[in-house]
C-alpha atoms as a PDB file:
ATOM      1  CA  MET A   1      71.137  84.110 104.068  1.00  0.00           C
ATOM      2  CA  ALA A   2      69.181  86.857 102.365  1.00  0.00           C
ATOM      3  CA  PRO A   3      69.782  87.454  98.661  1.00  0.00           C
ATOM      4  CA  ALA A   4      72.114  90.275  97.747  1.00  0.00           C
ATOM      5  CA  ASN A   5      70.666  93.656  96.933  1.00  0.00           C
ATOM      6  CA  VAL A   6      71.340  94.002  93.208  1.00  0.00           C
ATOM      7  CA  ASP A   7      71.973  97.731  93.612  1.00  0.00           C
ATOM      8  CA  GLU A   8      74.963  97.197  95.917  1.00  0.00           C
ATOM      9  CA  SER A   9      78.490  96.121  95.161  1.00  0.00           C
ATOM     10  CA  ILE A  10      79.118  92.588  96.342  1.00  0.00           C
ATOM     11  CA  LEU A  11      82.900  92.762  95.960  1.00  0.00           C
ATOM     12  CA  ARG A  12      85.182  94.492  98.417  1.00  0.00           C
ATOM     13  CA  PRO A  13      87.620  97.082  97.022  1.00  0.00           C
ATOM     14  CA  ARG A  14      90.589  94.789  97.784  1.00  0.00           C
ATOM     15  CA  THR A  15      88.969  91.941  95.824  1.00  0.00           C
ATOM     16  CA  ILE A  16      88.318  94.292  92.915  1.00  0.00           C
ATOM     17  CA  ARG A  17      91.977  95.390  92.898  1.00  0.00           C
ATOM     18  CA  THR A  18      93.037  91.729  92.947  1.00  0.00           C
ATOM     19  CA  LEU A  19      90.710  90.878  90.049  1.00  0.00           C
ATOM     20  CA  GLN A  20      92.005  93.882  88.099  1.00  0.00           C
ATOM     21  CA  ALA A  21      95.605  92.737  88.594  1.00  0.00           C
ATOM     22  CA  ILE A  22      94.748  89.179  87.544  1.00  0.00           C
ATOM     23  CA  ALA A  23      92.750  90.334  84.506  1.00  0.00           C
ATOM     24  CA  GLU A  24      95.469  92.704  83.304  1.00  0.00           C
ATOM     25  CA  ALA A  25      97.931  89.806  83.315  1.00  0.00           C
ATOM     26  CA  ILE A  26      95.565  87.275  81.733  1.00  0.00           C
ATOM     27  CA  PHE A  27      94.476  89.544  78.887  1.00  0.00           C
ATOM     28  CA  ALA A  28      97.775  91.335  78.234  1.00  0.00           C
ATOM     29  CA  THR A  29      99.213  91.159  74.751  1.00  0.00           C
ATOM     30  CA  GLU A  30     102.592  92.178  73.385  1.00  0.00           C
ATOM     31  CA  ALA A  31     101.170  95.707  73.289  1.00  0.00           C
ATOM     32  CA  GLY A  32     100.489  95.619  77.051  1.00  0.00           C
ATOM     33  CA  PRO A  33      97.420  95.214  79.227  1.00  0.00           C
ATOM     34  CA  PRO A  34      93.902  95.958  78.013  1.00  0.00           C
ATOM     35  CA  PRO A  35      92.657  99.527  78.444  1.00  0.00           C
ATOM     36  CA  PRO A  36      91.945 100.390  82.104  1.00  0.00           C
ATOM     37  CA  ALA A  37      88.333 101.204  81.239  1.00  0.00           C
ATOM     38  CA  ARG A  38      87.816  97.661  79.937  1.00  0.00           C
ATOM     39  CA  ILE A  39      89.319  96.164  83.091  1.00  0.00           C
ATOM     40  CA  ARG A  40      87.004  98.337  85.223  1.00  0.00           C
ATOM     41  CA  TRP A  41      84.071  97.223  83.060  1.00  0.00           C
ATOM     42  CA  LEU A  42      85.115  93.575  83.530  1.00  0.00           C
ATOM     43  CA  CYS A  43      85.243  93.931  87.305  1.00  0.00           C
ATOM     44  CA  ALA A  44      81.838  95.638  87.304  1.00  0.00           C
ATOM     45  CA  GLU A  45      80.478  92.715  85.265  1.00  0.00           C
ATOM     46  CA  MET A  46      82.006  90.235  87.740  1.00  0.00           C
ATOM     47  CA  ASP A  47      80.414  92.180  90.588  1.00  0.00           C
ATOM     48  CA  ASP A  48      77.056  92.098  88.801  1.00  0.00           C
ATOM     49  CA  LEU A  49      77.359  88.368  88.120  1.00  0.00           C
ATOM     50  CA  LEU A  50      78.154  87.634  91.762  1.00  0.00           C
ATOM     51  CA  ASN A  51      75.345  89.928  92.862  1.00  0.00           C
ATOM     52  CA  HIS A  52      72.927  87.667  91.001  1.00  0.00           C
ATOM     53  CA  ALA A  53      74.624  84.378  91.916  1.00  0.00           C
ATOM     54  CA  GLY A  54      73.782  82.303  94.920  1.00  0.00           C
ATOM     55  CA  PRO A  55      75.769  82.397  98.140  1.00  0.00           C
ATOM     56  CA  THR A  56      77.683  79.223  97.259  1.00  0.00           C
ATOM     57  CA  ALA A  57      78.916  80.625  93.939  1.00  0.00           C
ATOM     58  CA  ARG A  58      79.812  83.953  95.573  1.00  0.00           C
ATOM     59  CA  THR A  59      81.739  82.253  98.355  1.00  0.00           C
ATOM     60  CA  PHE A  60      83.523  79.935  95.930  1.00  0.00           C
ATOM     61  CA  LEU A  61      84.652  82.698  93.557  1.00  0.00           C
ATOM     62  CA  ARG A  62      85.721  84.967  96.404  1.00  0.00           C
ATOM     63  CA  ALA A  63      87.715  82.114  97.950  1.00  0.00           C
ATOM     64  CA  ALA A  64      89.275  81.234  94.595  1.00  0.00           C
ATOM     65  CA  THR A  65      90.288  84.869  94.064  1.00  0.00           C
ATOM     66  CA  LEU A  66      91.769  84.996  97.565  1.00  0.00           C
ATOM     67  CA  ALA A  67      93.662  81.747  96.936  1.00  0.00           C
ATOM     68  CA  VAL A  68      95.158  83.103  93.701  1.00  0.00           C
ATOM     69  CA  ALA A  69      96.151  86.328  95.456  1.00  0.00           C
ATOM     70  CA  ALA A  70      97.747  84.364  98.303  1.00  0.00           C
ATOM     71  CA  ALA A  71      99.672  82.149  95.867  1.00  0.00           C
ATOM     72  CA  MET A  72     101.055  84.985  93.750  1.00  0.00           C
ATOM     73  CA  PRO A  73     103.973  85.947  96.038  1.00  0.00           C
ATOM     74  CA  VAL A  74     105.029  82.287  96.144  1.00  0.00           C
ATOM     75  CA  PHE A  75     104.754  81.670  92.405  1.00  0.00           C
ATOM     76  CA  GLY A  76     106.044  85.150  91.605  1.00  0.00           C
ATOM     77  CA  ARG A  77     109.030  84.508  93.856  1.00  0.00           C
ATOM     78  CA  ARG A  78     108.595  87.992  95.293  1.00  0.00           C
ATOM     79  CA  PRO A  79     107.115  88.897  98.675  1.00  0.00           C
ATOM     80  CA  LEU A  80     104.713  91.403  97.136  1.00  0.00           C
ATOM     81  CA  PRO A  81     100.925  91.445  96.948  1.00  0.00           C
ATOM     82  CA  ILE A  82      99.640  90.862  93.426  1.00  0.00           C
ATOM     83  CA  GLU A  83      98.540  94.492  93.065  1.00  0.00           C
ATOM     84  CA  ARG A  84     102.119  95.681  93.592  1.00  0.00           C
ATOM     85  CA  MET A  85     103.786  93.205  91.217  1.00  0.00           C
ATOM     86  CA  SER A  86     104.800  94.427  87.780  1.00  0.00           C
ATOM     87  CA  LEU A  87     102.741  93.224  84.837  1.00  0.00           C
ATOM     88  CA  ALA A  88     105.610  91.003  83.677  1.00  0.00           C
ATOM     89  CA  ALA A  89     105.964  89.488  87.154  1.00  0.00           C
ATOM     90  CA  ARG A  90     102.202  88.820  87.355  1.00  0.00           C
ATOM     91  CA  ILE A  91     102.198  87.140  83.950  1.00  0.00           C
ATOM     92  CA  LYS A  92     105.122  84.930  84.928  1.00  0.00           C
ATOM     93  CA  ALA A  93     103.611  84.083  88.321  1.00  0.00           C
ATOM     94  CA  LEU A  94     100.231  83.212  86.782  1.00  0.00           C
ATOM     95  CA  ASP A  95     101.987  81.003  84.231  1.00  0.00           C
ATOM     96  CA  ARG A  96     103.847  79.170  87.001  1.00  0.00           C
ATOM     97  CA  LEU A  97     100.633  78.816  88.994  1.00  0.00           C
ATOM     98  CA  GLU A  98      98.778  77.543  85.936  1.00  0.00           C
ATOM     99  CA  HIS A  99     101.384  74.789  85.500  1.00  0.00           C
ATOM    100  CA  SER A 100     101.372  73.752  89.150  1.00  0.00           C
ATOM    101  CA  PHE A 101      99.428  71.426  91.400  1.00  0.00           C
ATOM    102  CA  ALA A 102      97.592  74.484  92.794  1.00  0.00           C
ATOM    103  CA  VAL A 103      95.935  75.483  89.526  1.00  0.00           C
ATOM    104  CA  ALA A 104      92.261  74.870  90.458  1.00  0.00           C
ATOM    105  CA  PRO A 105      91.451  78.292  91.979  1.00  0.00           C
ATOM    106  CA  LEU A 106      93.126  80.079  89.058  1.00  0.00           C
ATOM    107  CA  LEU A 107      91.142  78.053  86.535  1.00  0.00           C
ATOM    108  CA  ALA A 108      87.877  78.986  88.248  1.00  0.00           C
ATOM    109  CA  VAL A 109      88.666  82.702  88.303  1.00  0.00           C
ATOM    110  CA  LYS A 110      90.136  82.669  84.798  1.00  0.00           C
ATOM    111  CA  ALA A 111      87.120  80.851  83.334  1.00  0.00           C
ATOM    112  CA  VAL A 112      84.632  83.381  84.663  1.00  0.00           C
ATOM    113  CA  LEU A 113      86.818  86.343  83.726  1.00  0.00           C
ATOM    114  CA  CYS A 114      87.226  84.997  80.171  1.00  0.00           C
ATOM    115  CA  ILE A 115      83.501  84.474  79.693  1.00  0.00           C
ATOM    116  CA  LEU A 116      82.801  88.025  80.819  1.00  0.00           C
ATOM    117  CA  TYR A 117      85.787  89.654  79.085  1.00  0.00           C
ATOM    118  CA  TYR A 118      84.876  88.429  75.623  1.00  0.00           C
ATOM    119  CA  GLU A 119      81.339  89.773  76.022  1.00  0.00           C
ATOM    120  CA  HIS A 120      82.832  93.251  75.697  1.00  0.00           C
ATOM    121  CA  PRO A 121      82.277  94.409  72.094  1.00  0.00           C
ATOM    122  CA  ASP A 122      85.863  95.639  71.656  1.00  0.00           C
ATOM    123  CA  ALA A 123      87.339  92.360  72.946  1.00  0.00           C
ATOM    124  CA  ALA A 124      85.032  90.355  70.688  1.00  0.00           C
ATOM    125  CA  ARG A 125      86.089  92.433  67.666  1.00  0.00           C
ATOM    126  CA  GLU A 126      89.770  91.982  68.534  1.00  0.00           C
ATOM    127  CA  VAL A 127      89.426  88.204  68.256  1.00  0.00           C
ATOM    128  CA  GLY A 128      87.359  88.432  65.056  1.00  0.00           C
ATOM    129  CA  PHE A 129      83.938  87.590  66.489  1.00  0.00           C
ATOM    130  CA  ASP A 130      81.227  89.173  64.370  1.00  0.00           C
ATOM    131  CA  GLY A 131      78.252  88.088  66.448  1.00  0.00           C
ATOM    132  CA  GLY A 132      77.206  85.361  64.027  1.00  0.00           C
ATOM    133  CA  CYS A 133      77.173  81.612  64.421  1.00  0.00           C
ATOM    134  CA  MET A 134      79.942  79.472  62.987  1.00  0.00           C
ATOM    135  CA  GLY A 135      79.076  76.663  60.648  1.00  0.00           C
ATOM    136  CA  LYS A 136      77.962  76.124  57.106  1.00  0.00           C
ATOM    137  CA  ARG A 137      76.917  79.178  55.245  1.00  0.00           C
ATOM    138  CA  SER A 138      74.456  78.805  52.417  1.00  0.00           C
END
C-alpha cells in the first residue's frame, strides 16, 4: 500500500463527525462541550496524525472509532447514531461503555484524542500546564 499523501484528508466526513461527537462528550465540563473550533482543530490533528501513521495504525484507529460508534446506540439505550444523540446521552453512553467488557476500542480512541487535545494551548492552560517540567525547582 502506498503511503498517504500528506496534503489529503485521510478521514471520511462520517468518521470526522463521529470523532467530533466522541470528543465533545469526553472533554465536556459542567459548562458544556469545548468550543466547536477546538473540536474541529482536534479532528484536523487526528487526521494529520493518521496521515503520517502507517496503514496498520490507520486501520486500527478507524476500526476502533467505528466500533465505538456502533456500540453507542446499545450503551446509550437509544437507537440513534452517535452524532444525533444529545451531549448528555453521549456522556452517559460513553461512561457505560467505559465500564463494560467492550471498553478496548474506546480506550484506544480516547487515548489518542486526549494526547492531541491537551496539545492545544487553550486546553493546556485550562488544566494549569505552563509548558515547564515538573519536579524540583532550585
